[in-house]
Protein backbone atom coordinates (compact mmCIF):
# COMPACT_ATOMS: atom_id res chain seq x y z
CA UNK A 1 -13.59 39.21 -11.58
CA UNK A 2 -15.12 36.49 -13.76
CA UNK A 3 -11.87 34.52 -13.69
CA UNK A 4 -11.72 34.66 -9.90
CA UNK A 5 -15.31 33.43 -9.62
CA UNK A 6 -14.62 30.59 -12.04
CA UNK A 7 -11.46 29.62 -10.15
CA UNK A 8 -13.36 29.63 -6.85
CA UNK A 9 -16.08 27.46 -8.35
CA UNK A 10 -13.50 25.09 -9.80
CA UNK A 11 -11.71 24.79 -6.45
CA UNK A 12 -14.98 24.07 -4.66
CA UNK A 13 -15.93 21.40 -7.19
CA UNK A 14 -12.48 19.79 -6.95
CA UNK A 15 -12.61 19.91 -3.17
CA UNK A 16 -15.91 18.07 -3.17
CA UNK A 17 -14.79 15.55 -5.77
CA UNK A 18 -11.48 14.55 -4.16
CA UNK A 19 -12.97 12.57 -1.26
CA UNK A 20 -15.02 10.61 -3.79
CA UNK A 21 -11.84 9.77 -5.70
CA UNK A 22 -10.01 8.55 -2.60
CA UNK A 23 -9.68 4.80 -2.27
CA UNK A 24 -10.85 3.03 0.88
CA UNK A 25 -8.88 0.31 2.63
CA UNK A 26 -11.47 -2.25 1.52
CA UNK A 27 -11.06 -1.15 -2.10
CA UNK A 28 -7.28 -1.32 -1.74
CA UNK A 29 -7.52 -4.84 -0.32
CA UNK A 30 -9.73 -5.84 -3.23
CA UNK A 31 -7.27 -4.38 -5.74
CA UNK A 32 -4.16 -5.88 -4.14
CA UNK A 33 -4.11 -9.27 -5.87
CA UNK A 34 -4.58 -7.67 -9.29
CA UNK A 35 -1.81 -5.16 -8.65
CA UNK A 36 0.51 -7.98 -7.55
CA UNK A 37 -0.42 -10.10 -10.58
CA UNK A 38 0.34 -7.13 -12.90
CA UNK A 39 3.75 -6.74 -11.27
CA UNK A 40 2.97 -3.34 -9.77
CA UNK A 41 3.33 -4.31 -6.10
CA UNK A 42 5.52 -6.76 -4.28
CA UNK A 43 6.26 -7.96 -0.77
CA UNK A 44 9.30 -6.71 1.09
CA UNK A 45 11.19 -8.44 3.91
CA UNK A 46 10.23 -5.65 6.31
CA UNK A 47 6.57 -6.74 6.25
CA UNK A 48 5.32 -4.02 3.95
CA UNK A 49 4.32 -3.70 0.31
CA UNK A 50 6.58 -1.95 -2.13
CA UNK A 51 5.82 -0.36 -5.48
CA UNK A 52 7.60 -2.27 -8.24
CA UNK A 53 5.98 -0.44 -11.15
CA UNK A 54 3.82 2.65 -10.55
CA UNK A 55 0.39 3.11 -12.08
CA UNK A 56 -3.25 2.15 -11.64
CA UNK A 57 -3.24 3.47 -8.06
CA UNK A 58 -0.41 1.13 -7.00
CA UNK A 59 1.01 3.79 -4.69
CA UNK A 60 -2.36 4.40 -3.03
CA UNK A 61 -2.99 0.66 -2.59
CA UNK A 62 0.43 0.22 -0.97
CA UNK A 63 -0.01 3.29 1.24
CA UNK A 64 -3.38 2.21 2.60
CA UNK A 65 -2.44 -1.42 3.16
CA UNK A 66 0.92 -0.53 4.69
CA UNK A 67 -0.81 1.88 7.05
CA UNK A 68 -3.17 -0.91 8.18
CA UNK A 69 -0.27 -3.35 8.51
CA UNK A 70 1.73 -0.86 10.60
CA UNK A 71 -1.21 -0.44 12.97
CA UNK A 72 -1.56 -4.22 13.29
CA UNK A 73 2.17 -4.71 13.84
CA UNK A 74 2.11 -2.06 16.58
CA UNK A 75 -0.81 -3.82 18.27
CA UNK A 76 0.86 -7.23 18.09
CA UNK A 77 4.13 -5.88 19.43
CA UNK A 78 2.41 -4.15 22.33
CA UNK A 79 0.25 -7.15 23.23
CA UNK A 80 3.19 -9.57 23.09
CA UNK A 81 5.81 -7.34 24.68
CA UNK A 82 8.15 -7.48 21.70
CA UNK A 83 9.68 -4.91 19.38
CA UNK A 84 7.68 -3.74 16.39
CA UNK A 85 10.72 -4.43 14.19
CA UNK A 86 10.60 -8.09 15.23
CA UNK A 87 6.92 -8.31 14.29
CA UNK A 88 7.67 -6.66 10.94
CA UNK A 89 10.51 -9.09 10.22
CA UNK A 90 8.35 -12.14 11.03
CA UNK A 91 5.48 -10.80 8.93
CA UNK A 92 7.87 -10.00 6.09
CA UNK A 93 9.33 -13.51 6.08
CA UNK A 94 5.84 -15.03 6.03
CA UNK A 95 4.73 -12.69 3.23
CA UNK A 96 7.78 -13.60 1.12
CA UNK A 97 7.09 -17.31 1.64
CA UNK A 98 3.39 -16.97 0.79
CA UNK A 99 3.93 -14.86 -2.34
CA UNK A 100 2.74 -16.71 -5.44
CA UNK A 101 5.13 -17.79 -8.15
CA UNK A 102 5.57 -15.10 -10.78
CA UNK A 103 4.90 -12.22 -8.38
CA UNK A 104 7.55 -9.85 -7.05
CA UNK A 105 9.45 -10.00 -3.81
CA UNK A 106 12.31 -7.82 -2.70
CA UNK A 107 15.57 -9.50 -1.77
CA UNK A 108 18.74 -7.60 -0.91
CA UNK A 109 17.07 -4.38 -2.04
CA UNK A 110 16.22 -5.70 -5.52
CA UNK A 111 12.89 -6.77 -6.99
CA UNK A 112 12.82 -10.32 -8.33
CA UNK A 113 10.06 -12.57 -9.63
CA UNK A 114 9.49 -15.49 -7.36
């Protein structure tokens, strides 16, 4: 009985703590340049971020920013009467061009330093 009570308490505490551990989009945006500089994230030709080297919340940063990008690409496609894939390709090309020297981009499915 004591073990069950302790487990219930632990689950409640973890349930309350998890939202506090979640990263916001603003936090992800603030962490993006550092993650790129450390070689953890890179730009892909499809307009989204990719994880080059996991760690330090790289996956969460990419997930949140990619989610926001996808929403924006959908809006732009709808407003301009074009396919979302076309918006993604244009955004991807621009992102690859704007990526700073020494950071990662994906070309032909492989990560390379620009």
